[in-house]
């Protein structure tokens, strides 16, 4: 490098100085954008869309830098979360499309009484994942049902079934299931949702359950 007539040769390797391309205003903008967003869980594609980045390899390197610094966590490859993230968001981001349903929803609605600490999710596959001691249980359902948005509440990254949708999902996926209390369910909403399952067997089960009180 020339400054006037003086030539300075940098010996960074000999001086053991680490040149870190991550220490840039651009990288600071990335972490600022992530923490300014209301979401707590991000896929690589989520971050790319958030900051307008098209080079996924470089973006992944920048995100992993923040993981090493402890600003972000990476529970799974391609998934980045803020410390104190919401497990429900992670459940819907690990595998997409998916939505929270079954025991998790029915328990909160008071339809089933048995405690289940898992987050139960309906998706395109069946799998159980343990992340930081929490179990995320996925049940596979037919694609034609999975893509139906009726009876699904969407908030940010979280897709969660209404109790009526979770009730039908449970009956559809389990031949025999005991419900402790049907009172919280809206029968009219169930009837509206039934045709989406295209199942005479399911329709018969619903009619029998409500006929028996």
Protein backbone atom coordinates (compact mmCIF):
# COMPACT_ATOMS: atom_id res chain seq x y z
CA UNK A 1 0.00 0.00 0.00
CA UNK A 2 1.47 3.38 -0.97
CA UNK A 3 1.03 6.51 1.15
CA UNK A 4 2.98 9.29 -0.59
CA UNK A 5 6.49 7.85 -0.99
CA UNK A 6 6.23 5.35 1.87
CA UNK A 7 5.42 1.77 1.01
CA UNK A 8 3.73 -0.22 3.78
CA UNK A 9 3.46 -3.99 3.46
CA UNK A 10 0.86 -5.55 5.77
CA UNK A 11 2.05 -8.71 7.51
CA UNK A 12 -1.28 -9.75 8.99
CA UNK A 13 -0.40 -13.43 9.06
CA UNK A 14 2.88 -12.85 10.87
CA UNK A 15 1.17 -10.58 13.41
CA UNK A 16 -1.64 -13.16 13.83
CA UNK A 17 -4.37 -10.59 13.14
CA UNK A 18 -7.69 -12.15 12.10
CA UNK A 19 -9.36 -10.42 9.18
CA UNK A 20 -13.05 -11.17 9.64
CA UNK A 21 -15.29 -10.28 6.72
CA UNK A 22 -18.28 -10.66 9.02
CA UNK A 23 -17.43 -7.48 10.93
CA UNK A 24 -19.23 -5.19 8.54
CA UNK A 25 -22.16 -2.83 8.61
CA UNK A 26 -23.90 -5.18 6.21
CA UNK A 27 -23.72 -8.02 8.68
CA UNK A 28 -24.88 -5.76 11.49
CA UNK A 29 -27.86 -4.81 9.34
CA UNK A 30 -28.71 -8.53 9.04
CA UNK A 31 -28.90 -9.14 12.78
CA UNK A 32 -30.76 -5.86 13.29
CA UNK A 33 -33.36 -6.90 10.69
CA UNK A 34 -33.82 -10.30 12.33
CA UNK A 35 -34.27 -8.88 15.83
CA UNK A 36 -36.57 -6.11 14.60
CA UNK A 37 -38.90 -8.75 13.15
CA UNK A 38 -41.69 -10.04 15.39
CA UNK A 39 -40.91 -13.65 14.44
CA UNK A 40 -38.59 -15.68 16.64
CA UNK A 41 -37.87 -18.54 14.22
CA UNK A 42 -36.51 -18.21 10.70
CA UNK A 43 -35.69 -20.55 7.87
CA UNK A 44 -32.84 -19.56 5.60
CA UNK A 45 -35.41 -18.53 3.01
CA UNK A 46 -37.23 -16.36 5.58
CA UNK A 47 -34.06 -14.37 6.25
CA UNK A 48 -33.25 -14.12 2.54
CA UNK A 49 -36.65 -12.57 1.87
CA UNK A 50 -36.38 -10.33 4.93
CA UNK A 51 -33.13 -8.68 3.85
CA UNK A 52 -33.40 -9.17 0.09
CA UNK A 53 -30.46 -11.57 -0.22
CA UNK A 54 -30.28 -14.00 -3.12
CA UNK A 55 -26.92 -15.68 -2.43
CA UNK A 56 -27.86 -18.36 0.07
CA UNK A 57 -24.33 -19.66 0.64
CA UNK A 58 -23.04 -16.27 1.79
CA UNK A 59 -26.18 -15.67 3.83
CA UNK A 60 -25.75 -19.00 5.57
CA UNK A 61 -22.14 -18.09 6.44
CA UNK A 62 -23.23 -14.76 7.90
CA UNK A 63 -25.96 -16.37 9.98
CA UNK A 64 -23.60 -19.06 11.26
CA UNK A 65 -21.22 -16.30 12.36
CA UNK A 66 -23.95 -14.94 14.63
CA UNK A 67 -24.59 -18.48 15.90
CA UNK A 68 -20.93 -18.74 16.90
CA UNK A 69 -21.21 -15.37 18.65
CA UNK A 70 -24.28 -16.59 20.56
CA UNK A 71 -26.68 -14.02 19.11
CA UNK A 72 -28.67 -16.71 17.28
CA UNK A 73 -29.25 -20.43 17.78
CA UNK A 74 -29.42 -23.12 15.10
CA UNK A 75 -31.56 -26.04 16.32
CA UNK A 76 -31.53 -27.65 12.88
CA UNK A 77 -29.64 -27.09 9.65
CA UNK A 78 -31.15 -24.13 7.83
CA UNK A 79 -33.24 -23.05 10.85
CA UNK A 80 -32.22 -20.04 12.96
CA UNK A 81 -33.91 -18.86 16.14
CA UNK A 82 -33.61 -16.02 18.60
CA UNK A 83 -32.79 -16.89 22.22
CA UNK A 84 -36.14 -17.42 23.97
CA UNK A 85 -37.85 -18.42 20.71
CA UNK A 86 -41.45 -19.68 20.62
CA UNK A 87 -41.62 -23.49 20.30
CA UNK A 88 -44.89 -23.23 18.35
CA UNK A 89 -43.08 -21.24 15.66
CA UNK A 90 -40.32 -23.82 15.48
CA UNK A 91 -42.88 -26.61 15.14
CA UNK A 92 -44.36 -25.00 12.02
CA UNK A 93 -40.97 -24.10 10.51
CA UNK A 94 -39.11 -27.41 10.88
CA UNK A 95 -41.29 -29.05 8.23
CA UNK A 96 -43.60 -27.15 5.90
CA UNK A 97 -46.41 -27.23 5.11
CA UNK A 98 -47.60 -28.09 8.60
CA UNK A 99 -49.91 -26.87 11.35
CA UNK A 100 -50.27 -27.54 15.07
CA UNK A 101 -53.23 -29.80 15.80
CA UNK A 102 -54.34 -33.00 17.56
CA UNK A 103 -53.57 -33.43 21.30
CA UNK A 104 -51.88 -30.05 21.71
CA UNK A 105 -54.97 -28.13 20.56
CA UNK A 106 -57.58 -30.44 22.06
CA UNK A 107 -55.90 -30.35 25.44
CA UNK A 108 -55.85 -26.55 25.52
CA UNK A 109 -59.50 -26.44 24.43
CA UNK A 110 -60.57 -28.78 27.24
CA UNK A 111 -61.71 -31.54 24.88
CA UNK A 112 -59.18 -34.03 26.28
CA UNK A 113 -57.98 -33.97 29.87
CA UNK A 114 -54.85 -36.13 29.76
CA UNK A 115 -51.72 -33.98 29.90
CA UNK A 116 -49.37 -34.28 26.94
CA UNK A 117 -46.30 -32.04 26.89
CA UNK A 118 -45.54 -32.69 23.23
CA UNK A 119 -46.29 -30.19 20.49
CA UNK A 120 -48.34 -32.24 18.05
CA UNK A 121 -48.29 -31.24 14.41
CA UNK A 122 -49.97 -32.38 11.21
CA UNK A 123 -47.70 -32.42 8.16
CA UNK A 124 -46.65 -34.37 5.06
CA UNK A 125 -44.62 -36.87 7.14
CA UNK A 126 -44.65 -38.74 10.43
CA UNK A 127 -41.68 -38.02 12.66
CA UNK A 128 -40.76 -37.25 16.25
CA UNK A 129 -38.07 -34.63 16.89
CA UNK A 130 -36.41 -33.82 20.22
CA UNK A 131 -35.02 -30.27 20.47
CA UNK A 132 -33.73 -29.00 23.80
CA UNK A 133 -35.79 -31.58 25.66
CA UNK A 134 -39.07 -30.72 23.92
CA UNK A 135 -40.76 -33.28 21.67
CA UNK A 136 -42.28 -32.19 18.36
CA UNK A 137 -44.53 -35.01 17.12
CA UNK A 138 -45.57 -34.91 13.45
CA UNK A 139 -48.38 -36.99 11.96
CA UNK A 140 -48.75 -37.48 8.24
CA UNK A 141 -52.07 -36.56 6.66
CA UNK A 142 -53.29 -36.66 3.08
CA UNK A 143 -52.01 -33.74 1.01
CA UNK A 144 -55.50 -32.72 -0.09
CA UNK A 145 -56.41 -32.15 3.57
CA UNK A 146 -53.09 -30.55 4.54
CA UNK A 147 -53.50 -27.68 2.07
CA UNK A 148 -57.01 -26.76 3.21
CA UNK A 149 -56.82 -23.47 5.12
CA UNK A 150 -60.33 -23.57 6.58
CA UNK A 151 -60.12 -24.10 10.32
CA UNK A 152 -56.47 -23.00 10.51
CA UNK A 153 -55.49 -19.83 12.36
CA UNK A 154 -52.35 -18.16 11.01
CA UNK A 155 -50.24 -15.75 13.05
CA UNK A 156 -46.75 -15.04 11.77
CA UNK A 157 -44.95 -18.37 11.52
CA UNK A 158 -47.57 -20.20 13.57
CA UNK A 159 -50.34 -22.20 11.90
CA UNK A 160 -52.67 -23.76 14.44
CA UNK A 161 -55.92 -25.66 14.05
CA UNK A 162 -59.14 -24.60 15.69
CA UNK A 163 -60.46 -27.18 18.19
CA UNK A 164 -62.99 -28.31 15.57
CA UNK A 165 -60.29 -28.92 12.96
CA UNK A 166 -58.07 -30.68 15.51
CA UNK A 167 -61.03 -32.87 16.49
CA UNK A 168 -61.57 -33.97 12.89
CA UNK A 169 -57.84 -34.50 12.34
CA UNK A 170 -57.73 -36.75 15.39
CA UNK A 171 -60.72 -38.81 14.27
CA UNK A 172 -59.34 -39.07 10.75
CA UNK A 173 -55.90 -40.28 11.89
CA UNK A 174 -57.04 -42.49 14.77
CA UNK A 175 -59.63 -45.21 14.31
CA UNK A 176 -60.50 -45.21 18.00
CA UNK A 177 -59.95 -42.16 20.18
CA UNK A 178 -61.69 -41.17 23.39
CA UNK A 179 -62.68 -37.52 23.87
CA UNK A 180 -63.35 -36.45 27.44
CA UNK A 181 -65.55 -33.46 26.70
CA UNK A 182 -67.26 -32.48 23.43
CA UNK A 183 -69.00 -29.42 24.89
CA UNK A 184 -66.31 -26.88 23.83
CA UNK A 185 -66.71 -27.85 20.17
CA UNK A 186 -68.91 -25.96 17.72
CA UNK A 187 -70.93 -28.63 15.90
CA UNK A 188 -71.80 -26.28 13.04
CA UNK A 189 -68.12 -25.60 12.33
CA UNK A 190 -67.42 -29.33 12.35
CA UNK A 191 -70.19 -29.94 9.82
CA UNK A 192 -68.75 -27.19 7.59
CA UNK A 193 -65.29 -28.77 7.73
CA UNK A 194 -66.34 -32.40 7.21
CA UNK A 195 -66.60 -32.31 3.37
CA UNK A 196 -62.91 -31.31 3.11
CA UNK A 197 -61.90 -34.76 4.42
CA UNK A 198 -63.92 -36.61 1.77
CA UNK A 199 -64.43 -39.54 4.10
CA UNK A 200 -67.71 -41.35 4.67
CA UNK A 201 -66.12 -43.22 7.55
CA UNK A 202 -65.19 -39.97 9.30
CA UNK A 203 -68.68 -38.54 8.75
CA UNK A 204 -70.21 -41.63 10.30
CA UNK A 205 -67.87 -41.41 13.31
CA UNK A 206 -68.79 -37.77 13.92
CA UNK A 207 -72.52 -38.44 13.72
CA UNK A 208 -72.18 -41.37 16.13
CA UNK A 209 -70.16 -39.38 18.66
CA UNK A 210 -72.57 -36.47 18.81
CA UNK A 211 -75.58 -38.77 18.80
CA UNK A 212 -74.20 -40.43 21.91
CA UNK A 213 -73.61 -37.03 23.53
